[in-house]
N, C-alpha and C. Protein backbone atom coordinates (compact mmCIF):
# COMPACT_ATOMS: atom_id res chain seq x y z
N MET A 1 -10.99 -9.87 -6.08
CA MET A 1 -11.02 -8.80 -5.69
C MET A 1 -10.98 -8.39 -4.53
N ASN A 2 -10.28 -9.90 -3.41
CA ASN A 2 -9.58 -10.06 -2.44
C ASN A 2 -8.57 -9.15 -2.66
N ARG A 3 -7.79 -9.52 -3.36
CA ARG A 3 -5.95 -8.68 -3.60
C ARG A 3 -6.94 -6.70 -3.75
N PHE A 4 -8.44 -6.01 -3.79
CA PHE A 4 -8.50 -5.05 -4.47
C PHE A 4 -8.33 -4.54 -3.14
N GLU A 5 -9.34 -5.32 -2.09
CA GLU A 5 -9.60 -4.74 -0.62
C GLU A 5 -8.25 -5.22 -0.13
N GLU A 6 -7.02 -5.78 -0.48
CA GLU A 6 -5.52 -6.01 0.74
C GLU A 6 -5.59 -4.17 0.14
N ILE A 7 -5.53 -3.52 -1.07
CA ILE A 7 -4.92 -2.45 -1.10
C ILE A 7 -5.45 -1.08 -0.21
N LYS A 8 -6.88 -1.24 -0.67
CA LYS A 8 -7.90 -0.23 -0.08
C LYS A 8 -7.77 -0.24 1.37
N ASN A 9 -7.32 -1.98 2.01
CA ASN A 9 -7.02 -1.76 3.90
C ASN A 9 -5.81 -1.44 4.09
N LEU A 10 -5.20 -1.44 3.68
CA LEU A 10 -3.57 -1.37 3.67
C LEU A 10 -3.52 0.64 3.78
N VAL A 11 -3.94 1.27 2.14
CA VAL A 11 -3.91 3.26 2.17
C VAL A 11 -5.11 3.33 3.14
N MET A 12 -6.27 3.03 3.40
CA MET A 12 -6.83 4.02 4.75
C MET A 12 -6.47 3.38 6.09
N GLY A 13 -5.95 2.21 6.21
CA GLY A 13 -4.66 1.88 7.42
C GLY A 13 -4.33 3.12 7.80
N LEU A 14 -2.59 3.25 6.54
CA LEU A 14 -2.13 4.59 6.27
C LEU A 14 -1.95 6.11 6.51
N GLU A 15 -3.96 6.48 6.51
CA GLU A 15 -4.21 7.46 6.92
C GLU A 15 -3.68 9.05 7.92
N GLY A 16 -4.26 7.41 9.17
CA GLY A 16 -3.88 8.36 10.20
C GLY A 16 -2.62 8.80 10.56
N ASP A 17 -1.95 8.37 9.91
CA ASP A 17 -0.43 8.51 10.04
C ASP A 17 0.58 9.46 9.02
N PHE A 18 -0.45 9.65 7.93
CA PHE A 18 0.53 10.95 6.75
C PHE A 18 -0.50 11.91 7.35
N ASP A 19 -1.79 12.36 8.60
CA ASP A 19 -1.46 13.28 8.86
C ASP A 19 -1.05 14.27 10.02
N LYS A 20 -0.64 12.39 10.62
CA LYS A 20 0.51 12.90 11.75
C LYS A 20 1.77 13.11 11.54
N PHE A 21 1.67 13.12 10.14
CA PHE A 21 3.22 12.89 9.79
C PHE A 21 3.05 14.85 9.28
N TYR A 22 2.05 14.83 8.24
CA TYR A 22 2.33 15.77 7.51
C TYR A 22 1.22 17.76 8.34
N SER A 23 0.72 16.49 9.21
CA SER A 23 0.06 18.36 10.02
C SER A 23 1.13 18.46 11.34
N LYS A 24 1.19 17.34 11.73
CA LYS A 24 2.30 17.60 12.89
C LYS A 24 3.50 17.01 13.04
N GLY A 25 3.21 16.83 12.25
CA GLY A 25 5.93 17.08 12.48
C GLY A 25 6.15 15.39 12.29
N ASN A 26 5.43 13.99 12.85
CA ASN A 26 5.23 13.35 14.19
C ASN A 26 6.16 12.03 12.86
N GLN A 27 8.05 12.20 13.46
CA GLN A 27 8.80 11.60 12.42
C GLN A 27 9.01 9.80 11.93
N ALA A 28 8.30 9.92 13.62
CA ALA A 28 8.40 8.19 13.30
C ALA A 28 6.78 7.54 12.59
N ALA A 29 5.59 8.18 12.88
CA ALA A 29 4.71 8.90 11.65
C ALA A 29 5.02 8.08 9.73
N GLY A 30 5.99 9.51 10.04
CA GLY A 30 6.66 9.74 8.42
C GLY A 30 7.30 8.10 8.42
N THR A 31 8.34 8.05 9.38
CA THR A 31 8.77 6.16 9.24
C THR A 31 7.60 4.64 8.41
N ARG A 32 6.52 5.50 9.71
CA ARG A 32 5.19 4.21 9.36
C ARG A 32 4.76 4.65 7.80
N VAL A 33 4.63 5.94 7.33
CA VAL A 33 4.37 6.14 6.31
C VAL A 33 5.15 4.99 5.27
N ARG A 34 6.13 5.44 5.28
CA ARG A 34 7.30 4.77 4.16
C ARG A 34 7.15 3.33 4.12
N LYS A 35 7.43 2.96 4.87
CA LYS A 35 6.99 1.00 5.09
C LYS A 35 5.38 0.73 4.51
N GLY A 36 4.72 1.58 5.10
CA GLY A 36 3.08 1.52 4.30
C GLY A 36 3.04 1.41 2.55
N MET A 37 3.67 2.01 2.18
CA MET A 37 3.68 2.65 0.65
C MET A 37 4.92 1.84 -0.09
N GLN A 38 5.87 0.90 0.92
CA GLN A 38 6.39 0.06 0.23
C GLN A 38 6.12 -0.94 0.06
N ASP A 39 5.30 -1.10 0.50
CA ASP A 39 4.19 -2.83 1.42
C ASP A 39 3.08 -2.49 0.07
N LEU A 40 3.22 -1.35 0.08
CA LEU A 40 1.91 -0.98 -1.38
C LEU A 40 2.32 -1.95 -2.81
N LYS A 41 4.05 -0.88 -2.56
CA LYS A 41 4.23 -1.23 -3.73
C LYS A 41 4.80 -2.62 -4.77
N THR A 42 4.85 -2.90 -3.30
CA THR A 42 5.38 -4.54 -3.03
C THR A 42 4.06 -5.71 -4.13
N LEU A 43 3.33 -5.21 -3.29
CA LEU A 43 1.35 -5.85 -3.14
C LEU A 43 0.94 -5.67 -4.83
N ALA A 44 1.67 -4.29 -4.96
CA ALA A 44 0.81 -4.19 -5.91
C ALA A 44 1.86 -4.76 -7.49
N GLN A 45 3.39 -4.72 -7.20
CA GLN A 45 3.90 -5.92 -8.39
C GLN A 45 3.42 -7.02 -8.10
N ASP A 46 2.66 -7.97 -7.53
CA ASP A 46 2.25 -8.90 -7.09
C ASP A 46 1.86 -9.16 -7.67
N ILE A 47 0.11 -8.64 -7.72
CA ILE A 47 -0.91 -7.95 -8.46
C ILE A 47 -0.72 -8.16 -10.09
N ARG A 48 0.65 -7.15 -10.56
CA ARG A 48 0.64 -7.19 -11.98
C ARG A 48 1.57 -8.47 -12.09
N LYS A 49 2.01 -8.65 -11.90
CA LYS A 49 2.28 -10.08 -12.20
C LYS A 49 1.23 -11.14 -12.17
N GLU A 50 0.34 -11.41 -11.51
CA GLU A 50 -0.41 -12.52 -10.97
C GLU A 50 -1.53 -11.65 -12.52
N VAL A 51 -1.40 -10.67 -12.63
CA VAL A 51 -2.96 -10.20 -14.00
C VAL A 51 -2.45 -10.51 -15.83
N GLN A 52 -0.73 -10.47 -15.71
CA GLN A 52 -0.14 -10.80 -16.13
C GLN A 52 0.14 -12.10 -16.81
N ASP A 53 -0.14 -13.21 -15.85
CA ASP A 53 0.01 -14.46 -15.67
C ASP A 53 -0.78 -15.05 -15.97
N LYS A 54 -2.05 -13.92 -15.18
CA LYS A 54 -3.48 -14.76 -15.37
C LYS A 54 -3.88 -14.81 -17.59
N LYS A 55 -3.42 -13.49 -18.33
CA LYS A 55 -3.48 -13.60 -19.30
C LYS A 55 -2.96 -13.69 -20.40
N ASN A 56 -1.56 -14.06 -19.90
CA ASN A 56 -0.67 -14.42 -20.42
C ASN A 56 -1.16 -16.21 -20.35
N ALA A 57 -2.33 -16.67 -19.57
CA ALA A 57 -2.79 -18.04 -19.98
C ALA A 57 -3.60 -18.53 -20.53
N GLY A 58 -4.30 -17.40 -20.62
CA GLY A 58 -5.48 -17.58 -21.69
C GLY A 58 -6.76 -16.86 -21.25
C-alpha cells in the first residue's frame, strides 16, 4: 500500500499547479505539471514491474 500512497500524494501535490496552469495560464505551473506527470509515469512503470515480478515468482 505504500506505493499507492506515493501515487496519491504525487497527484494531490499537483492539484494546485493544475489549477494555476489551466485557470490562470501560469506557464511555470505547466512545467511543474509536466514534470509531475513524468514522475507519475515512472512510478507507475516501477509498480507494474514490481507486480509482474511478484506474480511470476509465485
